[in-house]
Protein backbone atom coordinates (compact mmCIF):
# COMPACT_ATOMS: atom_id res chain seq x y z
CA UNK A 1 77.18 102.46 84.27
CA UNK A 2 79.10 104.85 81.99
CA UNK A 3 78.52 107.77 84.32
CA UNK A 4 79.76 105.73 87.26
CA UNK A 5 82.87 104.67 85.33
CA UNK A 6 83.53 108.25 84.23
CA UNK A 7 83.18 109.43 87.81
CA UNK A 8 85.63 106.78 89.03
CA UNK A 9 88.16 107.78 86.35
CA UNK A 10 87.77 111.45 87.27
CA UNK A 11 88.32 110.67 90.96
CA UNK A 12 91.38 108.54 90.15
CA UNK A 13 92.79 111.35 87.99
CA UNK A 14 92.15 113.88 90.76
CA UNK A 15 94.02 111.70 93.24
CA UNK A 16 97.02 111.40 90.90
CA UNK A 17 97.06 115.17 90.34
CA UNK A 18 96.71 116.01 94.02
CA UNK A 19 99.70 113.84 94.92
CA UNK A 20 102.08 115.31 92.36
CA UNK A 21 100.57 118.75 91.85
CA UNK A 22 100.54 118.25 88.08
CA UNK A 23 98.46 116.04 85.80
CA UNK A 24 99.99 112.73 84.71
CA UNK A 25 102.57 113.12 81.94
CA UNK A 26 100.62 111.07 79.42
CA UNK A 27 97.70 113.53 79.68
CA UNK A 28 99.78 116.67 79.02
CA UNK A 29 100.15 118.41 75.69
CA UNK A 30 103.70 118.82 74.40
CA UNK A 31 103.79 122.52 75.39
CA UNK A 32 102.48 121.77 78.86
CA UNK A 33 105.00 118.95 79.23
CA UNK A 34 107.84 121.29 78.25
CA UNK A 35 106.61 123.87 80.76
CA UNK A 36 106.54 121.26 83.53
CA UNK A 37 110.02 120.03 82.63
CA UNK A 38 111.36 123.59 82.48
CA UNK A 39 109.93 124.38 85.91
CA UNK A 40 111.40 121.22 87.38
CA UNK A 41 114.80 122.02 85.87
CA UNK A 42 114.69 125.57 87.29
CA UNK A 43 113.85 124.13 90.70
CA UNK A 44 116.69 121.64 90.42
CA UNK A 45 119.12 124.43 89.41
CA UNK A 46 118.09 126.50 92.46
CA UNK A 47 118.60 123.51 94.74
CA UNK A 48 121.97 122.75 93.16
CA UNK A 49 123.08 126.37 93.66
CA UNK A 50 122.06 126.12 97.32
CA UNK A 51 124.07 122.90 97.76
CA UNK A 52 127.10 124.49 96.07
CA UNK A 53 126.87 127.46 98.44
CA UNK A 54 126.71 125.19 101.46
CA UNK A 55 129.66 123.08 100.28
CA UNK A 56 131.71 126.23 99.64
CA UNK A 57 130.85 127.47 103.13
CA UNK A 58 131.97 124.17 104.65
CA UNK A 59 135.24 124.25 102.69
CA UNK A 60 136.03 127.78 103.92
CA UNK A 61 135.10 126.80 107.48
CA UNK A 62 137.45 123.82 107.27
CA UNK A 63 140.26 125.89 105.74
CA UNK A 64 139.82 128.52 108.46
CA UNK A 65 139.93 125.87 111.17
CA UNK A 66 143.12 124.37 109.74
CA UNK A 67 144.70 127.84 109.48
CA UNK A 68 143.84 128.65 113.12
CA UNK A 69 145.24 125.31 114.28
CA UNK A 70 148.50 125.93 112.40
CA UNK A 71 148.84 129.44 113.83
CA UNK A 72 148.15 128.18 117.34
CA UNK A 73 150.79 125.43 117.02
CA UNK A 74 153.37 127.81 115.61
CA UNK A 75 152.68 130.47 118.23
CA UNK A 76 152.32 128.07 121.14
């Protein structure tokens, strides 16, 4: 019965790890937890930089469109 229970726990742990890609937080050492948090923060920073770049691009596109419209109205 103990072997069966250990096998079930191992399978449940494997399923949790395969969904998230990392072991559950309560099973990590403090150094491993810090490494996981650091990696997640780096990923979040990269995504935030990408969003900032896209927003800046949209702002310049909008400003260019407004400038072209003003020039066309003044010239036309």
